[in-house]
């Protein structure tokens, strides 16, 4: 088997291997090339610093790295990792990281980060063996939203034109990497916002993807979900949505989600490794 950069591997082969690798996962997935391209481009994926393991020229495992600066720190975010079922339990993840870490260091990367489902104990142990440590704990939710009408003196609007800076003072938790400003700006044309205004001042907001129905970010004035939560969601069109990576440290927002019967279908760890 050979480990090498994915710079010359067609995206269709990477997506096909990704879907196969996750076909029996906790949450089976079937991503399209269009979705993967949009998401990974927004994240800053660098295929020169992403690696695959090939068995007789066939891709059987991979690490996809997105490269970004966070302050003064150059970080490689693991946007996706997978090994096809036939090649598991052969230590391939450790071999991939052994190759990746050496090349990342050569390219000035100072830190590697990833997200891992908390129930995936085997993967967590493998990452910890590499050197990763758990930094944060996230809850993820899904909701079959039917819509709700709320009587309120506040104004609720759906907007396609907005500035992420308008919501900075409403952020009630630190967003995960793929939900930070630099990522969302790259596919803003597919995002919409719902805002709640009190005397023309925004007091609550959420940002959702109009195709995937992923709610990327949301926040309310002074973390007061009791007052503004239902009013905010009253502006959201009906549909099947998911809310990704809300830090468990914010008790108010999770209490509100529980009150609304949103389904906490899975949890994740945010993990990092100083190179």
C-alpha atoms as a PDB file:
ATOM      1  CA  UNK A   1       0.000   0.000   0.000  1.00  0.00           C
ATOM      2  CA  UNK A   2       1.121   3.555  -0.739  1.00  0.00           C
ATOM      3  CA  UNK A   3       0.412   6.828   1.090  1.00  0.00           C
ATOM      4  CA  UNK A   4       0.541  10.005  -0.976  1.00  0.00           C
ATOM      5  CA  UNK A   5      -0.969  13.442  -1.432  1.00  0.00           C
ATOM      6  CA  UNK A   6      -4.457  13.698  -2.940  1.00  0.00           C
ATOM      7  CA  UNK A   7      -3.489  16.574  -5.239  1.00  0.00           C
ATOM      8  CA  UNK A   8      -3.859  14.395  -8.354  1.00  0.00           C
ATOM      9  CA  UNK A   9      -6.814  12.281  -7.198  1.00  0.00           C
ATOM     10  CA  UNK A  10     -10.139  13.133  -8.909  1.00  0.00           C
ATOM     11  CA  UNK A  11     -12.766  14.505  -6.539  1.00  0.00           C
ATOM     12  CA  UNK A  12     -15.222  11.855  -7.762  1.00  0.00           C
ATOM     13  CA  UNK A  13     -12.878   9.125  -6.443  1.00  0.00           C
ATOM     14  CA  UNK A  14     -12.505  10.875  -3.083  1.00  0.00           C
ATOM     15  CA  UNK A  15     -16.273  11.326  -2.700  1.00  0.00           C
ATOM     16  CA  UNK A  16     -16.959   7.712  -3.709  1.00  0.00           C
ATOM     17  CA  UNK A  17     -14.453   6.465  -1.111  1.00  0.00           C
ATOM     18  CA  UNK A  18     -15.854   8.850   1.511  1.00  0.00           C
ATOM     19  CA  UNK A  19     -19.407   7.590   0.961  1.00  0.00           C
ATOM     20  CA  UNK A  20     -18.269   3.952   1.084  1.00  0.00           C
ATOM     21  CA  UNK A  21     -16.221   4.559   4.243  1.00  0.00           C
ATOM     22  CA  UNK A  22     -19.250   6.093   5.995  1.00  0.00           C
ATOM     23  CA  UNK A  23     -21.878   3.690   4.597  1.00  0.00           C
ATOM     24  CA  UNK A  24     -22.019   1.755   7.892  1.00  0.00           C
ATOM     25  CA  UNK A  25     -21.256   4.700  10.179  1.00  0.00           C
ATOM     26  CA  UNK A  26     -23.355   5.937  13.132  1.00  0.00           C
ATOM     27  CA  UNK A  27     -24.903   8.345  10.630  1.00  0.00           C
ATOM     28  CA  UNK A  28     -24.701   6.846   7.104  1.00  0.00           C
ATOM     29  CA  UNK A  29     -24.014   9.536   4.517  1.00  0.00           C
ATOM     30  CA  UNK A  30     -24.227   9.899   0.768  1.00  0.00           C
ATOM     31  CA  UNK A  31     -22.602  13.189  -0.165  1.00  0.00           C
ATOM     32  CA  UNK A  32     -22.689  14.610  -3.679  1.00  0.00           C
ATOM     33  CA  UNK A  33     -19.645  16.073  -5.416  1.00  0.00           C
ATOM     34  CA  UNK A  34     -21.403  19.457  -5.490  1.00  0.00           C
ATOM     35  CA  UNK A  35     -21.989  19.468  -1.727  1.00  0.00           C
ATOM     36  CA  UNK A  36     -18.449  18.315  -0.925  1.00  0.00           C
ATOM     37  CA  UNK A  37     -16.895  20.868  -3.282  1.00  0.00           C
ATOM     38  CA  UNK A  38     -18.866  23.728  -1.737  1.00  0.00           C
ATOM     39  CA  UNK A  39     -18.177  22.696   1.843  1.00  0.00           C
ATOM     40  CA  UNK A  40     -14.497  21.875   1.409  1.00  0.00           C
ATOM     41  CA  UNK A  41     -13.802  24.966  -0.695  1.00  0.00           C
ATOM     42  CA  UNK A  42     -15.376  27.114   2.014  1.00  0.00           C
ATOM     43  CA  UNK A  43     -13.300  25.341   4.675  1.00  0.00           C
ATOM     44  CA  UNK A  44     -10.062  25.957   2.779  1.00  0.00           C
ATOM     45  CA  UNK A  45      -9.210  22.349   1.860  1.00  0.00           C
ATOM     46  CA  UNK A  46      -5.719  21.917   0.401  1.00  0.00           C
ATOM     47  CA  UNK A  47      -5.392  18.638  -1.512  1.00  0.00           C
ATOM     48  CA  UNK A  48      -1.600  18.989  -1.512  1.00  0.00           C
ATOM     49  CA  UNK A  49      -1.737  18.637   2.282  1.00  0.00           C
ATOM     50  CA  UNK A  50      -4.484  15.987   2.265  1.00  0.00           C
ATOM     51  CA  UNK A  51      -3.452  12.345   2.063  1.00  0.00           C
ATOM     52  CA  UNK A  52      -4.754   9.031   0.813  1.00  0.00           C
ATOM     53  CA  UNK A  53      -3.726   5.441   1.240  1.00  0.00           C
ATOM     54  CA  UNK A  54      -3.886   3.422  -1.958  1.00  0.00           C
ATOM     55  CA  UNK A  55      -4.094  -0.350  -2.329  1.00  0.00           C
ATOM     56  CA  UNK A  56      -3.187  -1.352  -5.900  1.00  0.00           C
ATOM     57  CA  UNK A  57      -3.874   2.234  -7.009  1.00  0.00           C
ATOM     58  CA  UNK A  58      -7.340   2.236  -5.404  1.00  0.00           C
ATOM     59  CA  UNK A  59      -8.081   4.812  -2.693  1.00  0.00           C
ATOM     60  CA  UNK A  60      -9.039   2.976   0.520  1.00  0.00           C
ATOM     61  CA  UNK A  61      -8.465   5.651   3.181  1.00  0.00           C
ATOM     62  CA  UNK A  62      -7.913   9.391   3.429  1.00  0.00           C
ATOM     63  CA  UNK A  63      -7.430  12.520   5.527  1.00  0.00           C
ATOM     64  CA  UNK A  64      -8.753  15.803   4.109  1.00  0.00           C
ATOM     65  CA  UNK A  65      -7.073  18.913   5.540  1.00  0.00           C
ATOM     66  CA  UNK A  66      -8.367  22.480   5.436  1.00  0.00           C
ATOM     67  CA  UNK A  67      -5.636  25.042   6.127  1.00  0.00           C
ATOM     68  CA  UNK A  68      -6.389  28.346   7.861  1.00  0.00           C
ATOM     69  CA  UNK A  69      -4.906  30.882  10.257  1.00  0.00           C
ATOM     70  CA  UNK A  70      -6.520  31.420  13.661  1.00  0.00           C
ATOM     71  CA  UNK A  71      -4.871  34.523  14.995  1.00  0.00           C
ATOM     72  CA  UNK A  72      -1.163  33.806  14.569  1.00  0.00           C
ATOM     73  CA  UNK A  73      -1.587  30.008  14.512  1.00  0.00           C
ATOM     74  CA  UNK A  74      -1.563  28.093  11.230  1.00  0.00           C
ATOM     75  CA  UNK A  75      -4.007  25.210  11.649  1.00  0.00           C
ATOM     76  CA  UNK A  76      -4.820  22.062   9.668  1.00  0.00           C
ATOM     77  CA  UNK A  77      -8.468  21.128  10.258  1.00  0.00           C
ATOM     78  CA  UNK A  78      -9.383  17.521   9.500  1.00  0.00           C
ATOM     79  CA  UNK A  79     -12.466  18.091   7.335  1.00  0.00           C
ATOM     80  CA  UNK A  80     -12.962  14.349   6.860  1.00  0.00           C
ATOM     81  CA  UNK A  81     -11.225  11.050   7.566  1.00  0.00           C
ATOM     82  CA  UNK A  82     -12.307   7.610   6.482  1.00  0.00           C
ATOM     83  CA  UNK A  83     -11.166   4.061   5.812  1.00  0.00           C
ATOM     84  CA  UNK A  84     -13.261   1.632   3.751  1.00  0.00           C
ATOM     85  CA  UNK A  85     -14.638  -1.372   5.712  1.00  0.00           C
ATOM     86  CA  UNK A  86     -12.311  -3.949   4.122  1.00  0.00           C
ATOM     87  CA  UNK A  87      -9.191  -2.110   5.304  1.00  0.00           C
ATOM     88  CA  UNK A  88     -10.094  -1.236   8.894  1.00  0.00           C
ATOM     89  CA  UNK A  89      -8.242  -2.432  12.015  1.00  0.00           C
ATOM     90  CA  UNK A  90      -4.944  -2.399  10.153  1.00  0.00           C
ATOM     91  CA  UNK A  91      -3.570   0.755  11.788  1.00  0.00           C
ATOM     92  CA  UNK A  92      -4.076   2.822   8.628  1.00  0.00           C
ATOM     93  CA  UNK A  93      -5.162   5.962  10.502  1.00  0.00           C
ATOM     94  CA  UNK A  94      -1.872   6.042  12.409  1.00  0.00           C
ATOM     95  CA  UNK A  95       0.057   5.474   9.177  1.00  0.00           C
ATOM     96  CA  UNK A  96      -1.813   8.296   7.451  1.00  0.00           C
ATOM     97  CA  UNK A  97      -1.085  10.682  10.316  1.00  0.00           C
ATOM     98  CA  UNK A  98       2.560   9.620  10.480  1.00  0.00           C
ATOM     99  CA  UNK A  99       2.902  10.789   6.871  1.00  0.00           C
ATOM    100  CA  UNK A 100       0.651  13.826   7.276  1.00  0.00           C
ATOM    101  CA  UNK A 101       2.262  15.251  10.416  1.00  0.00           C
ATOM    102  CA  UNK A 102       5.741  15.271   8.871  1.00  0.00           C
ATOM    103  CA  UNK A 103       4.505  17.138   5.778  1.00  0.00           C
ATOM    104  CA  UNK A 104       2.312  19.534   7.782  1.00  0.00           C
ATOM    105  CA  UNK A 105       5.298  20.505   9.944  1.00  0.00           C
ATOM    106  CA  UNK A 106       7.394  21.097   6.801  1.00  0.00           C
ATOM    107  CA  UNK A 107       4.682  23.508   5.622  1.00  0.00           C
ATOM    108  CA  UNK A 108       4.580  25.535   8.823  1.00  0.00           C
ATOM    109  CA  UNK A 109       1.411  24.025  10.294  1.00  0.00           C
ATOM    110  CA  UNK A 110       1.457  24.474  14.064  1.00  0.00           C
ATOM    111  CA  UNK A 111      -1.737  22.725  15.127  1.00  0.00           C
ATOM    112  CA  UNK A 112      -4.075  20.004  13.855  1.00  0.00           C
ATOM    113  CA  UNK A 113      -7.755  19.853  14.816  1.00  0.00           C
ATOM    114  CA  UNK A 114     -10.694  17.542  14.177  1.00  0.00           C
ATOM    115  CA  UNK A 115     -14.194  16.607  15.314  1.00  0.00           C
ATOM    116  CA  UNK A 116     -15.130  13.065  16.324  1.00  0.00           C
ATOM    117  CA  UNK A 117     -18.460  11.528  17.346  1.00  0.00           C
ATOM    118  CA  UNK A 118     -18.350  10.738  21.068  1.00  0.00           C
ATOM    119  CA  UNK A 119     -19.712   7.213  20.565  1.00  0.00           C
ATOM    120  CA  UNK A 120     -16.845   6.355  18.206  1.00  0.00           C
ATOM    121  CA  UNK A 121     -14.577   5.135  20.993  1.00  0.00           C
ATOM    122  CA  UNK A 122     -12.239   3.254  18.655  1.00  0.00           C
ATOM    123  CA  UNK A 123     -11.543   6.407  16.610  1.00  0.00           C
ATOM    124  CA  UNK A 124     -11.100   8.546  19.747  1.00  0.00           C
ATOM    125  CA  UNK A 125      -8.486   6.128  21.092  1.00  0.00           C
ATOM    126  CA  UNK A 126      -6.728   6.104  17.706  1.00  0.00           C
ATOM    127  CA  UNK A 127      -6.623   9.918  17.625  1.00  0.00           C
ATOM    128  CA  UNK A 128      -5.387  10.069  21.211  1.00  0.00           C
ATOM    129  CA  UNK A 129      -2.650   7.590  20.290  1.00  0.00           C
ATOM    130  CA  UNK A 130      -1.544  10.041  17.575  1.00  0.00           C
ATOM    131  CA  UNK A 131      -1.460  12.838  20.188  1.00  0.00           C
ATOM    132  CA  UNK A 132      -4.880  14.532  20.007  1.00  0.00           C
ATOM    133  CA  UNK A 133      -6.608  15.782  23.157  1.00  0.00           C
ATOM    134  CA  UNK A 134     -10.266  16.662  23.739  1.00  0.00           C
ATOM    135  CA  UNK A 135     -10.867  20.430  23.922  1.00  0.00           C
ATOM    136  CA  UNK A 136     -14.641  20.870  23.676  1.00  0.00           C
ATOM    137  CA  UNK A 137     -17.887  18.901  23.610  1.00  0.00           C
ATOM    138  CA  UNK A 138     -20.674  19.628  21.111  1.00  0.00           C
ATOM    139  CA  UNK A 139     -24.340  18.679  20.837  1.00  0.00           C
ATOM    140  CA  UNK A 140     -25.926  18.285  17.386  1.00  0.00           C
ATOM    141  CA  UNK A 141     -29.660  18.515  16.733  1.00  0.00           C
ATOM    142  CA  UNK A 142     -32.190  17.817  14.027  1.00  0.00           C
ATOM    143  CA  UNK A 143     -35.728  19.070  13.719  1.00  0.00           C
ATOM    144  CA  UNK A 144     -38.667  18.469  11.445  1.00  0.00           C
ATOM    145  CA  UNK A 145     -39.776  22.074  11.604  1.00  0.00           C
ATOM    146  CA  UNK A 146     -43.454  22.682  10.825  1.00  0.00           C
ATOM    147  CA  UNK A 147     -43.348  26.389  11.560  1.00  0.00           C
ATOM    148  CA  UNK A 148     -45.006  28.282  14.379  1.00  0.00           C
ATOM    149  CA  UNK A 149     -46.875  31.572  14.689  1.00  0.00           C
ATOM    150  CA  UNK A 150     -45.965  33.856  17.593  1.00  0.00           C
ATOM    151  CA  UNK A 151     -47.755  37.014  18.687  1.00  0.00           C
ATOM    152  CA  UNK A 152     -45.030  39.547  19.293  1.00  0.00           C
ATOM    153  CA  UNK A 153     -44.364  43.270  19.029  1.00  0.00           C
ATOM    154  CA  UNK A 154     -40.909  42.446  17.666  1.00  0.00           C
ATOM    155  CA  UNK A 155     -40.189  42.359  13.947  1.00  0.00           C
ATOM    156  CA  UNK A 156     -39.027  39.065  12.372  1.00  0.00           C
ATOM    157  CA  UNK A 157     -37.372  39.139   8.940  1.00  0.00           C
ATOM    158  CA  UNK A 158     -35.732  36.722   6.526  1.00  0.00           C
ATOM    159  CA  UNK A 159     -32.727  38.301   4.822  1.00  0.00           C
ATOM    160  CA  UNK A 160     -30.453  37.288   1.971  1.00  0.00           C
ATOM    161  CA  UNK A 161     -28.317  40.411   2.288  1.00  0.00           C
ATOM    162  CA  UNK A 162     -26.580  40.820   5.634  1.00  0.00           C
ATOM    163  CA  UNK A 163     -23.164  41.219   7.208  1.00  0.00           C
ATOM    164  CA  UNK A 164     -21.822  38.614   9.607  1.00  0.00           C
ATOM    165  CA  UNK A 165     -20.418  41.511  11.617  1.00  0.00           C
ATOM    166  CA  UNK A 166     -24.006  42.553  12.398  1.00  0.00           C
ATOM    167  CA  UNK A 167     -24.326  39.447  14.580  1.00  0.00           C
ATOM    168  CA  UNK A 168     -20.981  39.490  16.349  1.00  0.00           C
ATOM    169  CA  UNK A 169     -22.346  40.894  19.628  1.00  0.00           C
ATOM    170  CA  UNK A 170     -25.048  38.181  19.713  1.00  0.00           C
ATOM    171  CA  UNK A 171     -22.701  35.191  19.594  1.00  0.00           C
ATOM    172  CA  UNK A 172     -23.503  33.045  22.653  1.00  0.00           C
ATOM    173  CA  UNK A 173     -20.851  30.364  22.036  1.00  0.00           C
ATOM    174  CA  UNK A 174     -17.594  30.015  20.090  1.00  0.00           C
ATOM    175  CA  UNK A 175     -18.417  28.566  16.640  1.00  0.00           C
ATOM    176  CA  UNK A 176     -16.732  25.402  15.414  1.00  0.00           C
ATOM    177  CA  UNK A 177     -14.269  25.848  12.554  1.00  0.00           C
ATOM    178  CA  UNK A 178     -16.671  25.232   9.655  1.00  0.00           C
ATOM    179  CA  UNK A 179     -19.150  27.715  11.137  1.00  0.00           C
ATOM    180  CA  UNK A 180     -16.733  30.611  11.519  1.00  0.00           C
ATOM    181  CA  UNK A 181     -16.899  33.779   9.436  1.00  0.00           C
ATOM    182  CA  UNK A 182     -14.119  32.935   6.993  1.00  0.00           C
ATOM    183  CA  UNK A 183     -15.935  29.722   5.957  1.00  0.00           C
ATOM    184  CA  UNK A 184     -19.452  31.132   5.790  1.00  0.00           C
ATOM    185  CA  UNK A 185     -18.341  34.064   3.626  1.00  0.00           C
ATOM    186  CA  UNK A 186     -17.217  31.647   0.902  1.00  0.00           C
ATOM    187  CA  UNK A 187     -20.698  30.298   0.192  1.00  0.00           C
ATOM    188  CA  UNK A 188     -22.784  33.165   1.447  1.00  0.00           C
ATOM    189  CA  UNK A 189     -24.901  33.139  -1.724  1.00  0.00           C
ATOM    190  CA  UNK A 190     -26.508  29.906  -0.463  1.00  0.00           C
ATOM    191  CA  UNK A 191     -27.111  31.217   3.049  1.00  0.00           C
ATOM    192  CA  UNK A 192     -30.046  33.147   4.467  1.00  0.00           C
ATOM    193  CA  UNK A 193     -30.543  34.760   7.837  1.00  0.00           C
ATOM    194  CA  UNK A 194     -33.523  35.161  10.134  1.00  0.00           C
ATOM    195  CA  UNK A 195     -33.330  38.245  12.345  1.00  0.00           C
ATOM    196  CA  UNK A 196     -35.471  39.560  15.191  1.00  0.00           C
ATOM    197  CA  UNK A 197     -35.517  43.339  15.616  1.00  0.00           C
ATOM    198  CA  UNK A 198     -36.469  45.429  18.622  1.00  0.00           C
ATOM    199  CA  UNK A 199     -36.639  49.150  17.797  1.00  0.00           C
ATOM    200  CA  UNK A 200     -34.647  48.323  14.617  1.00  0.00           C
ATOM    201  CA  UNK A 201     -31.844  46.716  16.628  1.00  0.00           C
ATOM    202  CA  UNK A 202     -31.103  43.031  15.943  1.00  0.00           C
ATOM    203  CA  UNK A 203     -31.695  41.054  19.144  1.00  0.00           C
ATOM    204  CA  UNK A 204     -31.619  37.513  17.700  1.00  0.00           C
ATOM    205  CA  UNK A 205     -30.404  35.814  14.539  1.00  0.00           C
ATOM    206  CA  UNK A 206     -29.767  32.515  12.841  1.00  0.00           C
ATOM    207  CA  UNK A 207     -28.051  31.623   9.564  1.00  0.00           C
ATOM    208  CA  UNK A 208     -29.162  28.610   7.525  1.00  0.00           C
ATOM    209  CA  UNK A 209     -28.198  26.987   4.230  1.00  0.00           C
ATOM    210  CA  UNK A 210     -31.154  27.175   1.870  1.00  0.00           C
ATOM    211  CA  UNK A 211     -30.302  23.833   0.175  1.00  0.00           C
ATOM    212  CA  UNK A 212     -28.836  21.577   2.885  1.00  0.00           C
ATOM    213  CA  UNK A 213     -31.056  23.121   5.630  1.00  0.00           C
ATOM    214  CA  UNK A 214     -28.112  23.250   7.989  1.00  0.00           C
ATOM    215  CA  UNK A 215     -28.395  25.966  10.645  1.00  0.00           C
ATOM    216  CA  UNK A 216     -24.806  27.169  10.838  1.00  0.00           C
ATOM    217  CA  UNK A 217     -25.007  29.845  13.525  1.00  0.00           C
ATOM    218  CA  UNK A 218     -27.521  31.399  15.887  1.00  0.00           C
ATOM    219  CA  UNK A 219     -27.568  33.702  18.880  1.00  0.00           C
ATOM    220  CA  UNK A 220     -29.746  35.991  20.971  1.00  0.00           C
ATOM    221  CA  UNK A 221     -29.290  39.126  23.059  1.00  0.00           C
ATOM    222  CA  UNK A 222     -27.649  38.367  26.420  1.00  0.00           C
ATOM    223  CA  UNK A 223     -28.103  34.615  25.804  1.00  0.00           C
ATOM    224  CA  UNK A 224     -31.787  35.064  26.682  1.00  0.00           C
ATOM    225  CA  UNK A 225     -33.294  32.126  24.793  1.00  0.00           C
ATOM    226  CA  UNK A 226     -36.386  32.142  27.007  1.00  0.00           C
ATOM    227  CA  UNK A 227     -37.407  35.534  25.636  1.00  0.00           C
ATOM    228  CA  UNK A 228     -36.170  35.443  22.048  1.00  0.00           C
ATOM    229  CA  UNK A 229     -35.838  31.758  21.077  1.00  0.00           C
ATOM    230  CA  UNK A 230     -39.374  30.954  19.895  1.00  0.00           C
ATOM    231  CA  UNK A 231     -39.741  34.350  18.239  1.00  0.00           C
ATOM    232  CA  UNK A 232     -36.535  33.693  16.276  1.00  0.00           C
ATOM    233  CA  UNK A 233     -37.639  30.254  15.103  1.00  0.00           C
ATOM    234  CA  UNK A 234     -41.062  31.595  14.114  1.00  0.00           C
ATOM    235  CA  UNK A 235     -39.299  33.178  11.129  1.00  0.00           C
ATOM    236  CA  UNK A 236     -37.778  29.897   9.932  1.00  0.00           C
ATOM    237  CA  UNK A 237     -39.539  28.300   6.927  1.00  0.00           C
ATOM    238  CA  UNK A 238     -40.847  24.750   7.391  1.00  0.00           C
ATOM    239  CA  UNK A 239     -38.355  21.982   6.600  1.00  0.00           C
ATOM    240  CA  UNK A 240     -36.026  19.322   7.956  1.00  0.00           C
ATOM    241  CA  UNK A 241     -33.088  21.137   9.565  1.00  0.00           C
ATOM    242  CA  UNK A 242     -29.972  20.211  11.492  1.00  0.00           C
ATOM    243  CA  UNK A 243     -28.008  22.332  13.936  1.00  0.00           C
ATOM    244  CA  UNK A 244     -24.333  21.456  14.117  1.00  0.00           C
ATOM    245  CA  UNK A 245     -21.778  21.744  16.919  1.00  0.00           C
ATOM    246  CA  UNK A 246     -23.279  23.793  19.732  1.00  0.00           C
ATOM    247  CA  UNK A 247     -20.864  23.914  22.669  1.00  0.00           C
ATOM    248  CA  UNK A 248     -22.234  22.121  25.732  1.00  0.00           C
ATOM    249  CA  UNK A 249     -20.968  24.963  27.963  1.00  0.00           C
ATOM    250  CA  UNK A 250     -23.946  27.119  26.942  1.00  0.00           C
ATOM    251  CA  UNK A 251     -26.699  25.693  29.151  1.00  0.00           C
ATOM    252  CA  UNK A 252     -29.362  28.251  28.118  1.00  0.00           C
ATOM    253  CA  UNK A 253     -29.442  27.299  24.454  1.00  0.00           C
ATOM    254  CA  UNK A 254     -29.575  23.559  25.171  1.00  0.00           C
ATOM    255  CA  UNK A 255     -32.406  24.055  27.682  1.00  0.00           C
ATOM    256  CA  UNK A 256     -34.318  25.923  24.992  1.00  0.00           C
ATOM    257  CA  UNK A 257     -33.692  23.199  22.376  1.00  0.00           C
ATOM    258  CA  UNK A 258     -34.935  20.582  24.848  1.00  0.00           C
ATOM    259  CA  UNK A 259     -38.050  22.658  25.518  1.00  0.00           C
ATOM    260  CA  UNK A 260     -38.675  22.784  21.744  1.00  0.00           C
ATOM    261  CA  UNK A 261     -38.221  18.987  21.495  1.00  0.00           C
ATOM    262  CA  UNK A 262     -35.319  19.278  19.064  1.00  0.00           C
ATOM    263  CA  UNK A 263     -33.654  15.875  18.673  1.00  0.00           C
ATOM    264  CA  UNK A 264     -30.116  15.750  20.109  1.00  0.00           C
ATOM    265  CA  UNK A 265     -29.263  12.910  17.743  1.00  0.00           C
ATOM    266  CA  UNK A 266     -25.486  12.839  18.192  1.00  0.00           C
ATOM    267  CA  UNK A 267     -22.597  14.478  20.073  1.00  0.00           C
ATOM    268  CA  UNK A 268     -19.049  15.294  19.055  1.00  0.00           C
ATOM    269  CA  UNK A 269     -15.697  16.137  20.578  1.00  0.00           C
ATOM    270  CA  UNK A 270     -13.488  18.912  19.260  1.00  0.00           C
ATOM    271  CA  UNK A 271      -9.917  17.584  19.462  1.00  0.00           C
ATOM    272  CA  UNK A 272      -6.533  19.173  18.785  1.00  0.00           C
ATOM    273  CA  UNK A 273      -2.862  18.302  18.585  1.00  0.00           C
ATOM    274  CA  UNK A 274       0.043  20.766  18.799  1.00  0.00           C
ATOM    275  CA  UNK A 275       2.549  19.724  16.119  1.00  0.00           C
END
